[in-house]
Amino acid sequence: MKYEYVTVPLLTHATKQILDTWGSEGWELVQVVPAPGGGDQLVAYMKRVIA
């Protein structure tokens, strides 16, 4: 299997909505990490199978 990957900035007030939207398009959450530069920003790493 081959995958494609994407990084998605997560807004703390809309995290569920953002993840639900990407998930409905076939993306699977791999990891959430703090965004570079500090603060409370988060970045989601996601993958999906290339058809």
PDB file of N, CA and C in Angstrom:
ATOM      1  N   MET A   1       0.840  -1.187   0.000  1.00  0.00           N
ATOM      2  CA  MET A   1       0.000   0.000   0.000  1.00  0.00           C
ATOM      3  C   MET A   1       0.880   1.244   0.000  1.00  0.00           C
ATOM      4  N   LYS A   2       0.415   2.265  -0.716  1.00  0.00           N
ATOM      5  CA  LYS A   2       1.101   3.553  -0.717  1.00  0.00           C
ATOM      6  C   LYS A   2       0.178   4.581  -0.084  1.00  0.00           C
ATOM      7  N   TYR A   3       0.802   5.519   0.628  1.00  0.00           N
ATOM      8  CA  TYR A   3       0.041   6.548   1.323  1.00  0.00           C
ATOM      9  C   TYR A   3       0.433   7.932   0.833  1.00  0.00           C
ATOM     10  N   GLU A   4      -0.487   8.872   0.999  1.00  0.00           N
ATOM     11  CA  GLU A   4      -0.155  10.278   0.877  1.00  0.00           C
ATOM     12  C   GLU A   4      -0.364  10.891   2.256  1.00  0.00           C
ATOM     13  N   TYR A   5       0.355  11.962   2.530  1.00  0.00           N
ATOM     14  CA  TYR A   5       0.349  12.562   3.857  1.00  0.00           C
ATOM     15  C   TYR A   5       0.032  14.046   3.774  1.00  0.00           C
ATOM     16  N   VAL A   6      -0.499  14.572   4.866  1.00  0.00           N
ATOM     17  CA  VAL A   6      -0.803  15.996   4.940  1.00  0.00           C
ATOM     18  C   VAL A   6      -0.638  16.450   6.388  1.00  0.00           C
ATOM     19  N   THR A   7      -0.223  17.699   6.563  1.00  0.00           N
ATOM     20  CA  THR A   7      -0.216  18.314   7.893  1.00  0.00           C
ATOM     21  C   THR A   7      -1.322  19.360   7.913  1.00  0.00           C
ATOM     22  N   VAL A   8      -2.057  19.377   9.012  1.00  0.00           N
ATOM     23  CA  VAL A   8      -3.226  20.247   9.126  1.00  0.00           C
ATOM     24  C   VAL A   8      -3.142  21.048  10.415  1.00  0.00           C
ATOM     25  N   PRO A   9      -3.154  22.386  10.338  1.00  0.00           N
ATOM     26  CA  PRO A   9      -3.198  23.169  11.566  1.00  0.00           C
ATOM     27  C   PRO A   9      -4.556  22.987  12.245  1.00  0.00           C
ATOM     28  N   LEU A  10      -4.531  22.791  13.543  1.00  0.00           N
ATOM     29  CA  LEU A  10      -5.774  22.604  14.300  1.00  0.00           C
ATOM     30  C   LEU A  10      -6.074  23.851  15.120  1.00  0.00           C
ATOM     31  N   LEU A  11      -7.257  24.381  14.946  1.00  0.00           N
ATOM     32  CA  LEU A  11      -7.716  25.502  15.755  1.00  0.00           C
ATOM     33  C   LEU A  11      -8.386  24.917  16.987  1.00  0.00           C
ATOM     34  N   THR A  12      -7.964  25.358  18.157  1.00  0.00           N
ATOM     35  CA  THR A  12      -8.441  24.734  19.392  1.00  0.00           C
ATOM     36  C   THR A  12      -9.955  24.822  19.558  1.00  0.00           C
ATOM     37  N   HIS A  13     -10.589  25.838  18.990  1.00  0.00           N
ATOM     38  CA  HIS A  13     -12.038  25.967  19.142  1.00  0.00           C
ATOM     39  C   HIS A  13     -12.821  25.136  18.121  1.00  0.00           C
ATOM     40  N   ALA A  14     -12.113  24.512  17.139  1.00  0.00           N
ATOM     41  CA  ALA A  14     -12.809  23.755  16.098  1.00  0.00           C
ATOM     42  C   ALA A  14     -12.121  22.427  15.782  1.00  0.00           C
ATOM     43  N   THR A  15     -11.400  21.875  16.739  1.00  0.00           N
ATOM     44  CA  THR A  15     -10.621  20.659  16.499  1.00  0.00           C
ATOM     45  C   THR A  15     -11.484  19.509  15.988  1.00  0.00           C
ATOM     46  N   LYS A  16     -12.586  19.229  16.647  1.00  0.00           N
ATOM     47  CA  LYS A  16     -13.441  18.108  16.240  1.00  0.00           C
ATOM     48  C   LYS A  16     -13.974  18.317  14.836  1.00  0.00           C
ATOM     49  N   GLN A  17     -14.441  19.490  14.528  1.00  0.00           N
ATOM     50  CA  GLN A  17     -14.985  19.776  13.202  1.00  0.00           C
ATOM     51  C   GLN A  17     -13.913  19.594  12.119  1.00  0.00           C
ATOM     52  N   ILE A  18     -12.708  20.067  12.381  1.00  0.00           N
ATOM     53  CA  ILE A  18     -11.616  19.932  11.416  1.00  0.00           C
ATOM     54  C   ILE A  18     -11.288  18.461  11.191  1.00  0.00           C
ATOM     55  N   LEU A  19     -11.125  17.701  12.271  1.00  0.00           N
ATOM     56  CA  LEU A  19     -10.786  16.275  12.140  1.00  0.00           C
ATOM     57  C   LEU A  19     -11.916  15.490  11.487  1.00  0.00           C
ATOM     58  N   ASP A  20     -13.167  15.805  11.812  1.00  0.00           N
ATOM     59  CA  ASP A  20     -14.308  15.130  11.184  1.00  0.00           C
ATOM     60  C   ASP A  20     -14.349  15.390   9.681  1.00  0.00           C
ATOM     61  N   THR A  21     -14.061  16.621   9.284  1.00  0.00           N
ATOM     62  CA  THR A  21     -14.061  16.976   7.867  1.00  0.00           C
ATOM     63  C   THR A  21     -12.998  16.191   7.112  1.00  0.00           C
ATOM     64  N   TRP A  22     -11.771  16.185   7.632  1.00  0.00           N
ATOM     65  CA  TRP A  22     -10.688  15.443   6.967  1.00  0.00           C
ATOM     66  C   TRP A  22     -10.973  13.937   6.991  1.00  0.00           C
ATOM     67  N   GLY A  23     -11.512  13.438   8.092  1.00  0.00           N
ATOM     68  CA  GLY A  23     -11.834  12.016   8.191  1.00  0.00           C
ATOM     69  C   GLY A  23     -12.887  11.590   7.181  1.00  0.00           C
ATOM     70  N   SER A  24     -13.846  12.452   6.918  1.00  0.00           N
ATOM     71  CA  SER A  24     -14.886  12.114   5.948  1.00  0.00           C
ATOM     72  C   SER A  24     -14.326  12.045   4.527  1.00  0.00           C
ATOM     73  N   GLU A  25     -13.141  12.600   4.313  1.00  0.00           N
ATOM     74  CA  GLU A  25     -12.480  12.551   3.006  1.00  0.00           C
ATOM     75  C   GLU A  25     -11.453  11.421   2.936  1.00  0.00           C
ATOM     76  N   GLY A  26     -11.476  10.533   3.954  1.00  0.00           N
ATOM     77  CA  GLY A  26     -10.619   9.355   3.926  1.00  0.00           C
ATOM     78  C   GLY A  26      -9.283   9.503   4.636  1.00  0.00           C
ATOM     79  N   TRP A  27      -9.060  10.634   5.275  1.00  0.00           N
ATOM     80  CA  TRP A  27      -7.792  10.844   5.979  1.00  0.00           C
ATOM     81  C   TRP A  27      -7.850  10.231   7.368  1.00  0.00           C
ATOM     82  N   GLU A  28      -6.750   9.584   7.767  1.00  0.00           N
ATOM     83  CA  GLU A  28      -6.625   8.950   9.089  1.00  0.00           C
ATOM     84  C   GLU A  28      -5.625   9.751   9.920  1.00  0.00           C
ATOM     85  N   LEU A  29      -6.016  10.088  11.136  1.00  0.00           N
ATOM     86  CA  LEU A  29      -5.133  10.825  12.042  1.00  0.00           C
ATOM     87  C   LEU A  29      -4.002   9.925  12.498  1.00  0.00           C
ATOM     88  N   VAL A  30      -2.767  10.415  12.360  1.00  0.00           N
ATOM     89  CA  VAL A  30      -1.593   9.666  12.779  1.00  0.00           C
ATOM     90  C   VAL A  30      -1.061  10.211  14.098  1.00  0.00           C
ATOM     91  N   GLN A  31      -0.962  11.550  14.186  1.00  0.00           N
ATOM     92  CA  GLN A  31      -0.383  12.154  15.380  1.00  0.00           C
ATOM     93  C   GLN A  31      -0.759  13.630  15.450  1.00  0.00           C
ATOM     94  N   VAL A  32      -0.835  14.152  16.672  1.00  0.00           N
ATOM     95  CA  VAL A  32      -1.017  15.582  16.896  1.00  0.00           C
ATOM     96  C   VAL A  32       0.163  16.059  17.723  1.00  0.00           C
ATOM     97  N   VAL A  33       0.800  17.143  17.259  1.00  0.00           N
ATOM     98  CA  VAL A  33       1.974  17.690  17.946  1.00  0.00           C
ATOM     99  C   VAL A  33       1.827  19.197  18.067  1.00  0.00           C
ATOM    100  N   PRO A  34       2.565  19.793  19.015  1.00  0.00           N
ATOM    101  CA  PRO A  34       2.564  21.257  19.100  1.00  0.00           C
ATOM    102  C   PRO A  34       3.151  21.869  17.834  1.00  0.00           C
ATOM    103  N   ALA A  35       2.591  22.978  17.400  1.00  0.00           N
ATOM    104  CA  ALA A  35       3.087  23.667  16.208  1.00  0.00           C
ATOM    105  C   ALA A  35       4.436  24.321  16.512  1.00  0.00           C
ATOM    106  N   PRO A  36       5.280  24.448  15.497  1.00  0.00           N
ATOM    107  CA  PRO A  36       6.550  25.150  15.693  1.00  0.00           C
ATOM    108  C   PRO A  36       6.299  26.577  16.174  1.00  0.00           C
ATOM    109  N   GLY A  37       7.132  27.053  17.028  1.00  0.00           N
ATOM    110  CA  GLY A  37       6.979  28.411  17.520  1.00  0.00           C
ATOM    111  C   GLY A  37       6.277  28.516  18.857  1.00  0.00           C
ATOM    112  N   GLY A  38       5.811  27.405  19.368  1.00  0.00           N
ATOM    113  CA  GLY A  38       5.192  27.401  20.691  1.00  0.00           C
ATOM    114  C   GLY A  38       3.753  27.862  20.676  1.00  0.00           C
ATOM    115  N   GLY A  39       3.307  28.332  21.811  1.00  0.00           N
ATOM    116  CA  GLY A  39       1.909  28.719  21.960  1.00  0.00           C
ATOM    117  C   GLY A  39       1.035  27.498  22.128  1.00  0.00           C
ATOM    118  N   ASP A  40      -0.263  27.682  21.931  1.00  0.00           N
ATOM    119  CA  ASP A  40      -1.187  26.553  22.097  1.00  0.00           C
ATOM    120  C   ASP A  40      -1.642  25.975  20.764  1.00  0.00           C
ATOM    121  N   GLN A  41      -0.990  26.366  19.670  1.00  0.00           N
ATOM    122  CA  GLN A  41      -1.316  25.829  18.361  1.00  0.00           C
ATOM    123  C   GLN A  41      -0.903  24.367  18.243  1.00  0.00           C
ATOM    124  N   LEU A  42      -1.708  23.588  17.531  1.00  0.00           N
ATOM    125  CA  LEU A  42      -1.422  22.174  17.305  1.00  0.00           C
ATOM    126  C   LEU A  42      -1.416  21.889  15.800  1.00  0.00           C
ATOM    127  N   VAL A  43      -0.688  20.849  15.419  1.00  0.00           N
ATOM    128  CA  VAL A  43      -0.654  20.396  14.028  1.00  0.00           C
ATOM    129  C   VAL A  43      -0.994  18.911  13.999  1.00  0.00           C
ATOM    130  N   ALA A  44      -1.898  18.526  13.125  1.00  0.00           N
ATOM    131  CA  ALA A  44      -2.261  17.120  12.952  1.00  0.00           C
ATOM    132  C   ALA A  44      -1.544  16.568  11.732  1.00  0.00           C
ATOM    133  N   TYR A  45      -0.959  15.386  11.885  1.00  0.00           N
ATOM    134  CA  TYR A  45      -0.375  14.663  10.768  1.00  0.00           C
ATOM    135  C   TYR A  45      -1.368  13.572  10.380  1.00  0.00           C
ATOM    136  N   MET A  46      -1.730  13.540   9.092  1.00  0.00           N
ATOM    137  CA  MET A  46      -2.744  12.603   8.626  1.00  0.00           C
ATOM    138  C   MET A  46      -2.245  11.856   7.394  1.00  0.00           C
ATOM    139  N   LYS A  47      -2.833  10.672   7.151  1.00  0.00           N
ATOM    140  CA  LYS A  47      -2.475   9.884   5.973  1.00  0.00           C
ATOM    141  C   LYS A  47      -3.731   9.242   5.397  1.00  0.00           C
ATOM    142  N   ARG A  48      -3.631   8.879   4.111  1.00  0.00           N
ATOM    143  CA  ARG A  48      -4.682   8.080   3.478  1.00  0.00           C
ATOM    144  C   ARG A  48      -4.056   7.265   2.360  1.00  0.00           C
ATOM    145  N   VAL A  49      -4.711   6.176   2.059  1.00  0.00           N
ATOM    146  CA  VAL A  49      -4.234   5.264   1.024  1.00  0.00           C
ATOM    147  C   VAL A  49      -4.429   5.924  -0.341  1.00  0.00           C
ATOM    148  N   ILE A  50      -3.398   5.792  -1.185  1.00  0.00           N
ATOM    149  CA  ILE A  50      -3.493   6.277  -2.550  1.00  0.00           C
ATOM    150  C   ILE A  50      -4.172   5.194  -3.372  1.00  0.00           C
ATOM    151  N   ALA A  51      -5.258   5.554  -4.023  1.00  0.00           N
ATOM    152  CA  ALA A  51      -6.022   4.566  -4.818  1.00  0.00           C
ATOM    153  C   ALA A  51      -5.374   4.305  -6.153  1.00  0.00           C
TER     154      ALA A  51
END
